[in-house]
Amino acid sequence: MARLWRYGLVLSHQKHVAEDLVQATCVRALERAGQFVPGTRLDHWLLSIMHSIWLNEVRSRRVRQGQGFVDAESTLSFDGEHQAQNHVLAGQVIKRVNALPEAQRETVFLAYVEGLSYREVAELLEVPIGTVMSRLAAARLKLAETSAPHAASSASTGDRR
């Protein structure tokens, strides 16, 4: 359930919508339990159902890309100085990933957070594997570009001893 909720949060950027997506996914899975192929991965089947539900929601509501981001600071909470630094860094990473176009953001989540193979991501998103690789390469490039100015300013600050 945690994986479904995380994926719902990645798709929607809203906690209550993620919860609704999980519920809708579970209902649809129960309704279509006969379609599950024994011997295959249940989690991939459920993620695929959620993806389908989300696409239907996007189409029906005509949701515009970039709405409803979850504030990283309210999502992550840590104690202590070291954990606080990690919290800030994690918040920055989440904000940068959330700034990616939806297709790249979703692909990054499935491949790097959920650990799905490129083939599994391609099957789940119903796109060619080359598209998955292209989206990940573009996302990595964009993330590197957005972090380069920050890294350069940190390096120059560190050299000022």
N, C-alpha and C. Protein backbone atom coordinates (compact mmCIF):
# COMPACT_ATOMS: atom_id res chain seq x y z
N MET A 1 0.82 -1.20 0.00
CA MET A 1 0.00 0.00 0.00
C MET A 1 0.86 1.26 0.00
N ALA A 2 2.01 1.20 0.69
CA ALA A 2 2.89 2.37 0.75
C ALA A 2 3.40 2.72 -0.65
N ARG A 3 3.74 1.71 -1.44
CA ARG A 3 4.21 1.98 -2.79
C ARG A 3 3.12 2.62 -3.64
N LEU A 4 1.90 2.15 -3.50
CA LEU A 4 0.79 2.74 -4.23
C LEU A 4 0.58 4.19 -3.82
N TRP A 5 0.63 4.43 -2.53
CA TRP A 5 0.42 5.79 -2.04
C TRP A 5 1.52 6.72 -2.54
N ARG A 6 2.77 6.25 -2.50
CA ARG A 6 3.89 7.08 -2.99
C ARG A 6 3.69 7.39 -4.47
N TYR A 7 3.30 6.38 -5.24
CA TYR A 7 3.09 6.59 -6.67
C TYR A 7 1.92 7.55 -6.89
N GLY A 8 0.87 7.41 -6.11
CA GLY A 8 -0.25 8.33 -6.20
C GLY A 8 0.16 9.76 -5.87
N LEU A 9 1.06 9.89 -4.91
CA LEU A 9 1.57 11.22 -4.54
C LEU A 9 2.43 11.79 -5.65
N VAL A 10 3.22 10.97 -6.29
CA VAL A 10 4.04 11.42 -7.42
C VAL A 10 3.14 11.89 -8.56
N LEU A 11 2.11 11.15 -8.83
CA LEU A 11 1.20 11.50 -9.92
C LEU A 11 0.42 12.78 -9.64
N SER A 12 -0.12 12.87 -8.43
CA SER A 12 -1.07 13.95 -8.14
C SER A 12 -0.49 15.13 -7.39
N HIS A 13 0.56 14.92 -6.61
CA HIS A 13 1.16 15.95 -5.77
C HIS A 13 0.23 16.41 -4.64
N GLN A 14 -0.79 15.65 -4.36
CA GLN A 14 -1.73 16.01 -3.31
C GLN A 14 -2.04 14.77 -2.49
N LYS A 15 -1.89 14.89 -1.17
CA LYS A 15 -2.07 13.74 -0.29
C LYS A 15 -3.48 13.15 -0.41
N HIS A 16 -4.49 13.99 -0.40
CA HIS A 16 -5.86 13.47 -0.44
C HIS A 16 -6.16 12.81 -1.79
N VAL A 17 -5.60 13.33 -2.86
CA VAL A 17 -5.80 12.72 -4.17
C VAL A 17 -5.07 11.38 -4.23
N ALA A 18 -3.87 11.32 -3.66
CA ALA A 18 -3.12 10.06 -3.61
C ALA A 18 -3.92 9.00 -2.87
N GLU A 19 -4.53 9.39 -1.76
CA GLU A 19 -5.34 8.44 -1.00
C GLU A 19 -6.54 7.96 -1.83
N ASP A 20 -7.16 8.89 -2.55
CA ASP A 20 -8.28 8.52 -3.42
C ASP A 20 -7.82 7.57 -4.54
N LEU A 21 -6.63 7.83 -5.08
CA LEU A 21 -6.10 6.96 -6.13
C LEU A 21 -5.85 5.55 -5.60
N VAL A 22 -5.31 5.46 -4.39
CA VAL A 22 -5.07 4.14 -3.79
C VAL A 22 -6.39 3.41 -3.63
N GLN A 23 -7.38 4.11 -3.11
CA GLN A 23 -8.69 3.49 -2.90
C GLN A 23 -9.30 3.04 -4.23
N ALA A 24 -9.24 3.91 -5.23
CA ALA A 24 -9.80 3.56 -6.54
C ALA A 24 -9.04 2.37 -7.15
N THR A 25 -7.73 2.35 -6.95
CA THR A 25 -6.92 1.24 -7.47
C THR A 25 -7.32 -0.07 -6.81
N CYS A 26 -7.48 -0.05 -5.50
CA CYS A 26 -7.87 -1.27 -4.78
C CYS A 26 -9.25 -1.75 -5.21
N VAL A 27 -10.17 -0.82 -5.38
CA VAL A 27 -11.52 -1.19 -5.82
C VAL A 27 -11.47 -1.81 -7.21
N ARG A 28 -10.74 -1.16 -8.12
CA ARG A 28 -10.66 -1.69 -9.48
C ARG A 28 -9.96 -3.05 -9.49
N ALA A 29 -8.92 -3.20 -8.67
CA ALA A 29 -8.21 -4.49 -8.61
C ALA A 29 -9.14 -5.59 -8.12
N LEU A 30 -9.96 -5.28 -7.13
CA LEU A 30 -10.91 -6.28 -6.63
C LEU A 30 -11.96 -6.61 -7.68
N GLU A 31 -12.43 -5.57 -8.39
CA GLU A 31 -13.42 -5.79 -9.43
C GLU A 31 -12.87 -6.62 -10.59
N ARG A 32 -11.58 -6.47 -10.84
CA ARG A 32 -10.97 -7.15 -11.99
C ARG A 32 -9.94 -8.19 -11.57
N ALA A 33 -10.14 -8.76 -10.41
CA ALA A 33 -9.18 -9.74 -9.88
C ALA A 33 -8.95 -10.89 -10.85
N GLY A 34 -9.95 -11.23 -11.62
CA GLY A 34 -9.81 -12.31 -12.58
C GLY A 34 -8.84 -12.00 -13.71
N GLN A 35 -8.50 -10.72 -13.88
CA GLN A 35 -7.58 -10.33 -14.93
C GLN A 35 -6.11 -10.45 -14.50
N PHE A 36 -5.89 -10.61 -13.20
CA PHE A 36 -4.51 -10.76 -12.72
C PHE A 36 -3.97 -12.11 -13.16
N VAL A 37 -2.77 -12.08 -13.70
CA VAL A 37 -2.14 -13.30 -14.20
C VAL A 37 -1.26 -13.88 -13.09
N PRO A 38 -1.63 -15.05 -12.54
CA PRO A 38 -0.81 -15.67 -11.51
C PRO A 38 0.63 -15.87 -12.00
N GLY A 39 1.58 -15.64 -11.10
CA GLY A 39 2.98 -15.77 -11.46
C GLY A 39 3.61 -14.46 -11.88
N THR A 40 2.78 -13.41 -12.09
CA THR A 40 3.32 -12.09 -12.41
C THR A 40 3.34 -11.27 -11.13
N ARG A 41 3.94 -10.12 -11.21
CA ARG A 41 4.09 -9.29 -10.01
C ARG A 41 2.82 -8.48 -9.73
N LEU A 42 2.26 -8.68 -8.57
CA LEU A 42 1.04 -7.98 -8.16
C LEU A 42 1.28 -6.48 -8.07
N ASP A 43 2.44 -6.07 -7.53
CA ASP A 43 2.71 -4.65 -7.38
C ASP A 43 2.74 -3.93 -8.73
N HIS A 44 3.30 -4.57 -9.74
CA HIS A 44 3.33 -3.95 -11.07
C HIS A 44 1.93 -3.85 -11.65
N TRP A 45 1.12 -4.85 -11.42
CA TRP A 45 -0.26 -4.82 -11.89
C TRP A 45 -1.02 -3.67 -11.22
N LEU A 46 -0.84 -3.52 -9.92
CA LEU A 46 -1.52 -2.44 -9.19
C LEU A 46 -1.03 -1.07 -9.64
N LEU A 47 0.28 -0.92 -9.84
CA LEU A 47 0.82 0.36 -10.32
C LEU A 47 0.27 0.68 -11.71
N SER A 48 0.12 -0.34 -12.53
CA SER A 48 -0.44 -0.14 -13.86
C SER A 48 -1.90 0.30 -13.79
N ILE A 49 -2.65 -0.30 -12.88
CA ILE A 49 -4.05 0.11 -12.69
C ILE A 49 -4.10 1.57 -12.25
N MET A 50 -3.25 1.94 -11.29
CA MET A 50 -3.25 3.33 -10.80
C MET A 50 -2.90 4.28 -11.93
N HIS A 51 -1.92 3.92 -12.73
CA HIS A 51 -1.52 4.76 -13.86
C HIS A 51 -2.71 4.98 -14.79
N SER A 52 -3.43 3.93 -15.08
CA SER A 52 -4.60 4.02 -15.96
C SER A 52 -5.68 4.93 -15.35
N ILE A 53 -5.93 4.76 -14.07
CA ILE A 53 -6.93 5.60 -13.38
C ILE A 53 -6.51 7.06 -13.44
N TRP A 54 -5.20 7.31 -13.21
CA TRP A 54 -4.71 8.70 -13.22
C TRP A 54 -4.87 9.31 -14.61
N LEU A 55 -4.52 8.57 -15.65
CA LEU A 55 -4.67 9.10 -17.00
C LEU A 55 -6.13 9.44 -17.29
N ASN A 56 -7.04 8.59 -16.83
CA ASN A 56 -8.46 8.89 -17.01
C ASN A 56 -8.86 10.15 -16.26
N GLU A 57 -8.32 10.33 -15.06
CA GLU A 57 -8.61 11.54 -14.27
C GLU A 57 -8.07 12.78 -14.98
N VAL A 58 -6.85 12.68 -15.47
CA VAL A 58 -6.23 13.82 -16.15
C VAL A 58 -7.06 14.20 -17.36
N ARG A 59 -7.46 13.20 -18.11
CA ARG A 59 -8.27 13.48 -19.31
C ARG A 59 -9.61 14.10 -18.93
N SER A 60 -10.25 13.57 -17.91
CA SER A 60 -11.58 14.06 -17.57
C SER A 60 -11.54 15.45 -16.93
N ARG A 61 -10.54 15.73 -16.16
CA ARG A 61 -10.46 17.04 -15.50
C ARG A 61 -9.65 18.06 -16.28
N ARG A 62 -8.95 17.59 -17.31
CA ARG A 62 -8.07 18.46 -18.08
C ARG A 62 -7.09 19.18 -17.16
N VAL A 63 -6.47 18.37 -16.28
CA VAL A 63 -5.51 18.91 -15.33
C VAL A 63 -4.32 19.47 -16.08
N ARG A 64 -3.88 20.63 -15.71
CA ARG A 64 -2.71 21.23 -16.33
C ARG A 64 -1.46 20.82 -15.58
N GLN A 65 -0.43 20.61 -16.31
CA GLN A 65 0.85 20.16 -15.75
C GLN A 65 1.35 21.18 -14.74
N GLY A 66 1.85 20.64 -13.60
CA GLY A 66 2.48 21.48 -12.61
C GLY A 66 1.59 21.96 -11.49
N GLN A 67 0.33 21.57 -11.43
CA GLN A 67 -0.54 22.02 -10.36
C GLN A 67 -0.45 21.09 -9.17
N GLY A 68 -0.65 21.64 -7.99
CA GLY A 68 -0.82 20.83 -6.79
C GLY A 68 0.41 20.16 -6.25
N PHE A 69 1.55 20.83 -6.28
CA PHE A 69 2.75 20.22 -5.72
C PHE A 69 2.64 20.09 -4.21
N VAL A 70 3.20 19.02 -3.69
CA VAL A 70 3.26 18.82 -2.26
C VAL A 70 4.48 19.55 -1.74
N ASP A 71 4.33 20.34 -0.71
CA ASP A 71 5.45 21.05 -0.12
C ASP A 71 6.40 20.04 0.52
N ALA A 72 7.65 20.03 0.05
CA ALA A 72 8.62 19.04 0.53
C ALA A 72 8.86 19.18 2.03
N GLU A 73 8.87 20.42 2.55
CA GLU A 73 9.12 20.59 3.98
C GLU A 73 8.03 19.97 4.85
N SER A 74 6.80 19.99 4.37
CA SER A 74 5.74 19.40 5.18
C SER A 74 5.68 17.88 5.03
N THR A 75 6.26 17.36 3.96
CA THR A 75 6.25 15.93 3.73
C THR A 75 7.35 15.21 4.49
N LEU A 76 8.50 15.85 4.60
CA LEU A 76 9.65 15.24 5.27
C LEU A 76 9.85 15.89 6.63
N SER A 77 10.13 15.08 7.65
CA SER A 77 10.44 15.65 8.96
C SER A 77 11.55 14.84 9.61
N PHE A 78 12.61 15.52 10.05
CA PHE A 78 13.76 14.89 10.65
C PHE A 78 14.16 15.68 11.90
N ASP A 79 14.92 15.05 12.79
CA ASP A 79 15.43 15.71 13.98
C ASP A 79 16.94 15.74 13.93
N GLY A 80 17.53 16.72 14.59
CA GLY A 80 18.98 16.79 14.68
C GLY A 80 19.59 17.59 13.55
N GLU A 81 20.81 18.07 13.79
CA GLU A 81 21.47 18.91 12.80
C GLU A 81 21.77 18.15 11.51
N HIS A 82 22.34 16.95 11.63
CA HIS A 82 22.65 16.16 10.44
C HIS A 82 21.38 15.81 9.67
N GLN A 83 20.37 15.42 10.40
CA GLN A 83 19.11 15.08 9.76
C GLN A 83 18.45 16.32 9.15
N ALA A 84 18.63 17.47 9.78
CA ALA A 84 18.09 18.71 9.24
C ALA A 84 18.77 19.06 7.92
N GLN A 85 20.08 18.85 7.84
CA GLN A 85 20.79 19.09 6.59
C GLN A 85 20.30 18.14 5.51
N ASN A 86 20.10 16.88 5.89
CA ASN A 86 19.56 15.91 4.93
C ASN A 86 18.16 16.31 4.49
N HIS A 87 17.39 16.85 5.42
CA HIS A 87 16.04 17.30 5.13
C HIS A 87 16.06 18.42 4.09
N VAL A 88 16.95 19.36 4.26
CA VAL A 88 17.05 20.47 3.32
C VAL A 88 17.46 19.95 1.94
N LEU A 89 18.47 19.08 1.92
CA LEU A 89 18.93 18.51 0.66
C LEU A 89 17.81 17.69 0.00
N ALA A 90 17.13 16.87 0.77
CA ALA A 90 16.03 16.07 0.23
C ALA A 90 14.93 16.97 -0.32
N GLY A 91 14.63 18.05 0.39
CA GLY A 91 13.63 19.00 -0.08
C GLY A 91 14.01 19.63 -1.40
N GLN A 92 15.31 19.95 -1.53
CA GLN A 92 15.79 20.54 -2.78
C GLN A 92 15.68 19.54 -3.93
N VAL A 93 16.04 18.30 -3.66
CA VAL A 93 15.95 17.26 -4.70
C VAL A 93 14.50 17.06 -5.11
N ILE A 94 13.61 16.97 -4.13
CA ILE A 94 12.18 16.77 -4.43
C ILE A 94 11.64 17.94 -5.26
N LYS A 95 12.02 19.15 -4.90
CA LYS A 95 11.54 20.32 -5.66
C LYS A 95 12.05 20.28 -7.09
N ARG A 96 13.31 19.89 -7.27
CA ARG A 96 13.87 19.81 -8.62
C ARG A 96 13.19 18.72 -9.44
N VAL A 97 12.95 17.58 -8.81
CA VAL A 97 12.28 16.49 -9.51
C VAL A 97 10.84 16.89 -9.82
N ASN A 98 10.16 17.55 -8.89
CA ASN A 98 8.79 17.99 -9.13
C ASN A 98 8.70 19.02 -10.24
N ALA A 99 9.79 19.75 -10.50
CA ALA A 99 9.81 20.75 -11.56
C ALA A 99 9.96 20.12 -12.95
N LEU A 100 10.30 18.84 -12.99
CA LEU A 100 10.43 18.16 -14.28
C LEU A 100 9.06 18.04 -14.94
N PRO A 101 9.04 17.94 -16.26
CA PRO A 101 7.76 17.67 -16.93
C PRO A 101 7.17 16.36 -16.41
N GLU A 102 5.87 16.26 -16.45
CA GLU A 102 5.17 15.13 -15.83
C GLU A 102 5.69 13.77 -16.30
N ALA A 103 5.90 13.62 -17.60
CA ALA A 103 6.36 12.32 -18.13
C ALA A 103 7.73 11.95 -17.57
N GLN A 104 8.63 12.92 -17.48
CA GLN A 104 9.96 12.66 -16.92
C GLN A 104 9.88 12.37 -15.44
N ARG A 105 9.08 13.14 -14.73
CA ARG A 105 8.94 12.98 -13.28
C ARG A 105 8.41 11.58 -12.95
N GLU A 106 7.41 11.16 -13.67
CA GLU A 106 6.81 9.85 -13.43
C GLU A 106 7.81 8.73 -13.75
N THR A 107 8.55 8.89 -14.83
CA THR A 107 9.53 7.89 -15.23
C THR A 107 10.66 7.81 -14.21
N VAL A 108 11.13 8.97 -13.73
CA VAL A 108 12.17 9.00 -12.69
C VAL A 108 11.69 8.27 -11.45
N PHE A 109 10.48 8.53 -11.03
CA PHE A 109 9.95 7.88 -9.84
C PHE A 109 9.93 6.36 -9.99
N LEU A 110 9.38 5.89 -11.09
CA LEU A 110 9.25 4.45 -11.27
C LEU A 110 10.61 3.75 -11.36
N ALA A 111 11.54 4.39 -12.06
CA ALA A 111 12.86 3.75 -12.25
C ALA A 111 13.74 3.89 -11.02
N TYR A 112 13.80 5.07 -10.43
CA TYR A 112 14.78 5.31 -9.37
C TYR A 112 14.24 5.15 -7.96
N VAL A 113 12.97 5.45 -7.76
CA VAL A 113 12.41 5.29 -6.42
C VAL A 113 11.85 3.88 -6.25
N GLU A 114 11.06 3.45 -7.20
CA GLU A 114 10.46 2.12 -7.10
C GLU A 114 11.39 1.02 -7.59
N GLY A 115 12.45 1.39 -8.29
CA GLY A 115 13.44 0.41 -8.71
C GLY A 115 12.99 -0.51 -9.83
N LEU A 116 12.03 -0.07 -10.63
CA LEU A 116 11.59 -0.89 -11.75
C LEU A 116 12.64 -0.84 -12.86
N SER A 117 12.74 -1.91 -13.62
CA SER A 117 13.64 -1.92 -14.77
C SER A 117 13.06 -1.03 -15.86
N TYR A 118 13.90 -0.67 -16.83
CA TYR A 118 13.42 0.15 -17.94
C TYR A 118 12.28 -0.56 -18.66
N ARG A 119 12.41 -1.85 -18.83
CA ARG A 119 11.37 -2.63 -19.51
C ARG A 119 10.06 -2.57 -18.71
N GLU A 120 10.17 -2.72 -17.39
CA GLU A 120 8.97 -2.69 -16.56
C GLU A 120 8.31 -1.31 -16.61
N VAL A 121 9.13 -0.26 -16.58
CA VAL A 121 8.59 1.10 -16.67
C VAL A 121 7.88 1.28 -18.02
N ALA A 122 8.52 0.82 -19.08
CA ALA A 122 7.94 0.94 -20.42
C ALA A 122 6.59 0.22 -20.49
N GLU A 123 6.52 -0.97 -19.94
CA GLU A 123 5.27 -1.73 -19.96
C GLU A 123 4.20 -1.02 -19.14
N LEU A 124 4.58 -0.52 -17.96
CA LEU A 124 3.61 0.14 -17.09
C LEU A 124 3.06 1.41 -17.73
N LEU A 125 3.95 2.19 -18.36
CA LEU A 125 3.53 3.46 -18.97
C LEU A 125 3.03 3.28 -20.40
N GLU A 126 3.17 2.05 -20.91
CA GLU A 126 2.74 1.73 -22.28
C GLU A 126 3.44 2.61 -23.31
N VAL A 127 4.78 2.70 -23.17
CA VAL A 127 5.62 3.43 -24.11
C VAL A 127 6.79 2.53 -24.49
N PRO A 128 7.46 2.83 -25.60
CA PRO A 128 8.64 2.04 -25.95
C PRO A 128 9.76 2.23 -24.93
N ILE A 129 10.62 1.23 -24.80
CA ILE A 129 11.71 1.30 -23.85
C ILE A 129 12.66 2.46 -24.18
N GLY A 130 12.80 2.77 -25.47
CA GLY A 130 13.62 3.91 -25.88
C GLY A 130 13.09 5.22 -25.33
N THR A 131 11.78 5.32 -25.23
CA THR A 131 11.16 6.53 -24.67
C THR A 131 11.50 6.65 -23.19
N VAL A 132 11.50 5.53 -22.48
CA VAL A 132 11.88 5.53 -21.06
C VAL A 132 13.32 6.02 -20.92
N MET A 133 14.22 5.45 -21.73
CA MET A 133 15.62 5.84 -21.66
C MET A 133 15.80 7.31 -22.00
N SER A 134 15.06 7.78 -22.99
CA SER A 134 15.14 9.18 -23.40
C SER A 134 14.64 10.11 -22.29
N ARG A 135 13.52 9.74 -21.67
CA ARG A 135 12.97 10.56 -20.59
C ARG A 135 13.93 10.62 -19.40
N LEU A 136 14.54 9.48 -19.08
CA LEU A 136 15.49 9.46 -17.95
C LEU A 136 16.74 10.28 -18.27
N ALA A 137 17.23 10.17 -19.49
CA ALA A 137 18.41 10.95 -19.88
C ALA A 137 18.11 12.44 -19.83
N ALA A 138 16.95 12.82 -20.34
CA ALA A 138 16.56 14.24 -20.32
C ALA A 138 16.38 14.73 -18.89
N ALA A 139 15.80 13.90 -18.04
CA ALA A 139 15.59 14.28 -16.63
C ALA A 139 16.93 14.44 -15.93
N ARG A 140 17.85 13.49 -16.15
CA ARG A 140 19.17 13.60 -15.52
C ARG A 140 19.88 14.86 -15.97
N LEU A 141 19.80 15.17 -17.26
CA LEU A 141 20.43 16.38 -17.79
C LEU A 141 19.83 17.63 -17.15
N LYS A 142 18.52 17.67 -17.08
CA LYS A 142 17.84 18.84 -16.50
C LYS A 142 18.18 18.99 -15.01
N LEU A 143 18.22 17.87 -14.28
CA LEU A 143 18.57 17.91 -12.86
C LEU A 143 20.02 18.34 -12.68
N ALA A 144 20.90 17.89 -13.55
CA ALA A 144 22.31 18.30 -13.47
C ALA A 144 22.45 19.80 -13.74
N GLU A 145 21.69 20.30 -14.70
CA GLU A 145 21.73 21.73 -15.02
C GLU A 145 21.23 22.57 -13.86
N THR A 146 20.17 22.13 -13.21
CA THR A 146 19.61 22.92 -12.11
C THR A 146 20.47 22.85 -10.86
N SER A 147 21.25 21.77 -10.71
CA SER A 147 22.10 21.66 -9.53
C SER A 147 23.48 22.24 -9.77
N ALA A 148 23.89 22.45 -11.03
CA ALA A 148 25.22 22.97 -11.33
C ALA A 148 25.46 24.36 -10.73
N PRO A 149 24.55 25.33 -10.85
CA PRO A 149 24.80 26.63 -10.23
C PRO A 149 24.93 26.52 -8.71
N HIS A 150 24.11 25.65 -8.10
CA HIS A 150 24.17 25.46 -6.65
C HIS A 150 25.50 24.85 -6.26
N ALA A 151 25.97 23.86 -7.00
CA ALA A 151 27.24 23.20 -6.71
C ALA A 151 28.40 24.17 -6.89
N ALA A 152 28.34 25.01 -7.93
CA ALA A 152 29.39 25.97 -8.16
C ALA A 152 29.45 27.01 -7.06
N SER A 153 28.29 27.47 -6.57
CA SER A 153 28.29 28.47 -5.50
C SER A 153 28.75 27.85 -4.19
N SER A 154 28.43 26.58 -3.96
CA SER A 154 28.89 25.90 -2.76
C SER A 154 30.39 25.71 -2.79
N ALA A 155 30.91 25.34 -3.95
CA ALA A 155 32.35 25.14 -4.09
C ALA A 155 33.09 26.43 -3.90
N SER A 156 32.58 27.53 -4.46
CA SER A 156 33.27 28.81 -4.30
C SER A 156 33.20 29.29 -2.87
N THR A 157 32.11 29.01 -2.17
CA THR A 157 31.99 29.40 -0.77
C THR A 157 32.96 28.59 0.07
N GLY A 158 33.11 27.32 -0.25
CA GLY A 158 34.02 26.46 0.50
C GLY A 158 35.47 26.83 0.30
N ASP A 159 35.81 27.49 -0.81
CA ASP A 159 37.20 27.86 -1.10
C ASP A 159 37.59 29.14 -0.38
N ARG A 160 36.68 29.83 0.26
CA ARG A 160 36.96 31.14 0.86
C ARG A 160 37.54 31.06 2.25
N ARG A 161 37.85 30.01 2.79
CA ARG A 161 38.37 29.81 4.14
C ARG A 161 38.91 31.04 4.66
